[in-house]
Amino acid sequence: QVQLVESGGGLVQPGGSLRLSCVASGFTFSSYGMNWYRQAPGKERELVATISNTGGMRTYADFVKGRFTISRDNAKNTVYLQMNSLKPEDTAVYYCNRGANYWGQGTQVTVSS
């Protein structure tokens, strides 16, 4: 069965950085594009970034452009989200997604001084 396991969240000061990881199993990882979403308290889940199956195409939400970078290592079945210049409004639970209804459990990111 499809499993997505995120890690790397935590508490960071404004302006700091974090790298999230999502390890996938139960499917041929290199055949699928992957996504990162986030959901802040009281808000709807929103798309943050996408990456194609080869990593050749990437897209970003306007609110993270220039600060976040999505990448993947198909040999390790892992997708990453490098987050720099973090802001308090980036505080949310971040989820890895394979499309359809395949989600990880989420990892909490809190940006606060």
Protein backbone atom coordinates (compact mmCIF):
# COMPACT_ATOMS: atom_id res chain seq x y z
CA GLN A 1 0.00 0.00 0.00
CA VAL A 2 1.05 3.57 -0.60
CA GLN A 3 2.85 5.12 2.36
CA LEU A 4 4.20 8.64 2.66
CA VAL A 5 6.17 9.56 5.79
CA GLU A 6 7.19 13.17 6.37
CA SER A 7 9.88 14.41 8.73
CA GLY A 8 11.99 17.48 9.38
CA GLY A 9 9.48 19.87 10.88
CA GLY A 10 10.07 21.83 14.04
CA LEU A 11 10.30 25.23 15.66
CA VAL A 12 12.42 27.84 13.89
CA GLN A 13 12.92 31.57 14.25
CA PRO A 14 11.80 33.96 11.52
CA GLY A 15 14.40 34.07 8.77
CA GLY A 16 15.53 30.54 9.53
CA SER A 17 15.53 27.41 7.42
CA LEU A 18 14.19 23.87 7.55
CA ARG A 19 14.33 20.92 5.16
CA LEU A 20 11.36 18.60 5.05
CA SER A 21 11.64 15.05 3.75
CA CYS A 22 9.00 12.61 2.59
CA VAL A 23 9.90 8.96 2.14
CA ALA A 24 7.57 7.04 -0.13
CA SER A 25 6.87 3.32 -0.38
CA GLY A 26 4.36 0.96 -1.89
CA PHE A 27 4.53 2.29 -5.44
CA THR A 28 7.02 3.05 -8.20
CA PHE A 29 8.14 6.43 -6.93
CA SER A 30 9.94 7.47 -10.11
CA SER A 31 6.69 7.21 -12.09
CA TYR A 32 4.78 9.86 -10.17
CA GLY A 33 4.85 13.57 -9.68
CA MET A 34 4.79 14.63 -6.04
CA ASN A 35 3.39 17.60 -4.17
CA TRP A 36 3.79 19.46 -0.90
CA TYR A 37 0.73 21.03 0.71
CA ARG A 38 0.26 22.87 3.97
CA GLN A 39 -2.59 23.65 6.30
CA ALA A 40 -2.53 26.40 8.88
CA PRO A 41 -4.94 26.44 11.85
CA GLY A 42 -8.39 27.50 10.77
CA LYS A 43 -7.45 27.58 7.09
CA GLU A 44 -7.93 25.29 4.13
CA ARG A 45 -5.13 23.06 2.91
CA GLU A 46 -3.15 24.79 0.15
CA LEU A 47 -0.70 23.64 -2.49
CA VAL A 48 2.87 24.74 -1.87
CA ALA A 49 4.97 23.10 -4.57
CA THR A 50 4.91 20.33 -7.18
CA ILE A 51 7.61 18.32 -8.92
CA SER A 52 7.36 16.04 -11.94
CA ASN A 53 8.40 12.40 -11.78
CA THR A 54 11.86 13.15 -13.19
CA GLY A 55 12.30 16.39 -11.30
CA GLY A 56 12.52 18.32 -14.53
CA MET A 57 9.44 20.43 -13.89
CA ARG A 58 8.69 22.25 -10.67
CA THR A 59 6.01 24.73 -9.73
CA TYR A 60 5.54 26.92 -6.67
CA ALA A 61 2.78 28.87 -5.03
CA ASP A 62 3.39 32.60 -5.27
CA PHE A 63 3.73 32.89 -1.50
CA VAL A 64 6.83 30.66 -1.43
CA LYS A 65 8.53 31.53 -4.73
CA GLY A 66 12.16 32.40 -4.22
CA ARG A 67 12.19 30.99 -0.69
CA PHE A 68 11.26 27.29 -1.00
CA THR A 69 12.77 24.63 -3.25
CA ILE A 70 11.23 21.25 -4.01
CA SER A 71 13.49 18.41 -5.09
CA ARG A 72 13.55 14.62 -5.23
CA ASP A 73 15.91 11.68 -5.14
CA ASN A 74 14.35 8.78 -7.00
CA ALA A 75 17.07 6.41 -5.81
CA LYS A 76 15.97 7.10 -2.23
CA ASN A 77 12.22 7.35 -2.92
CA THR A 78 12.30 10.73 -1.25
CA VAL A 79 10.94 14.18 -2.01
CA TYR A 80 12.27 17.23 -0.19
CA LEU A 81 11.13 20.76 0.57
CA GLN A 82 13.92 23.18 1.42
CA MET A 83 12.42 26.17 3.18
CA ASN A 84 14.49 29.33 3.60
CA SER A 85 13.67 32.82 4.89
CA LEU A 86 10.81 31.41 6.89
CA LYS A 87 8.06 33.72 8.06
CA PRO A 88 5.53 33.35 10.88
CA GLU A 89 2.81 32.94 8.24
CA ASP A 90 4.57 29.78 7.05
CA THR A 91 3.48 28.10 10.29
CA ALA A 92 1.39 25.07 9.31
CA VAL A 93 1.29 21.32 9.09
CA TYR A 94 3.08 20.32 5.88
CA TYR A 95 1.88 17.29 3.96
CA CYS A 96 3.43 15.19 1.24
CA ASN A 97 0.99 14.13 -1.50
CA ARG A 98 1.07 11.80 -4.48
CA GLY A 99 -2.16 13.05 -5.95
CA ALA A 100 -5.65 11.55 -5.67
CA ASN A 101 -6.11 10.70 -2.00
CA TYR A 102 -2.59 9.71 -0.99
CA TRP A 103 -1.31 11.79 1.91
CA GLY A 104 1.31 11.54 4.60
CA GLN A 105 0.56 12.19 8.25
CA GLY A 106 2.06 15.67 8.11
CA THR A 107 4.89 17.42 9.92
CA GLN A 108 4.43 20.56 12.00
CA VAL A 109 6.41 23.67 11.10
CA THR A 110 6.27 26.55 13.56
CA VAL A 111 7.98 29.85 12.81
CA SER A 112 8.18 32.02 15.89
CA SER A 113 10.61 34.06 17.91
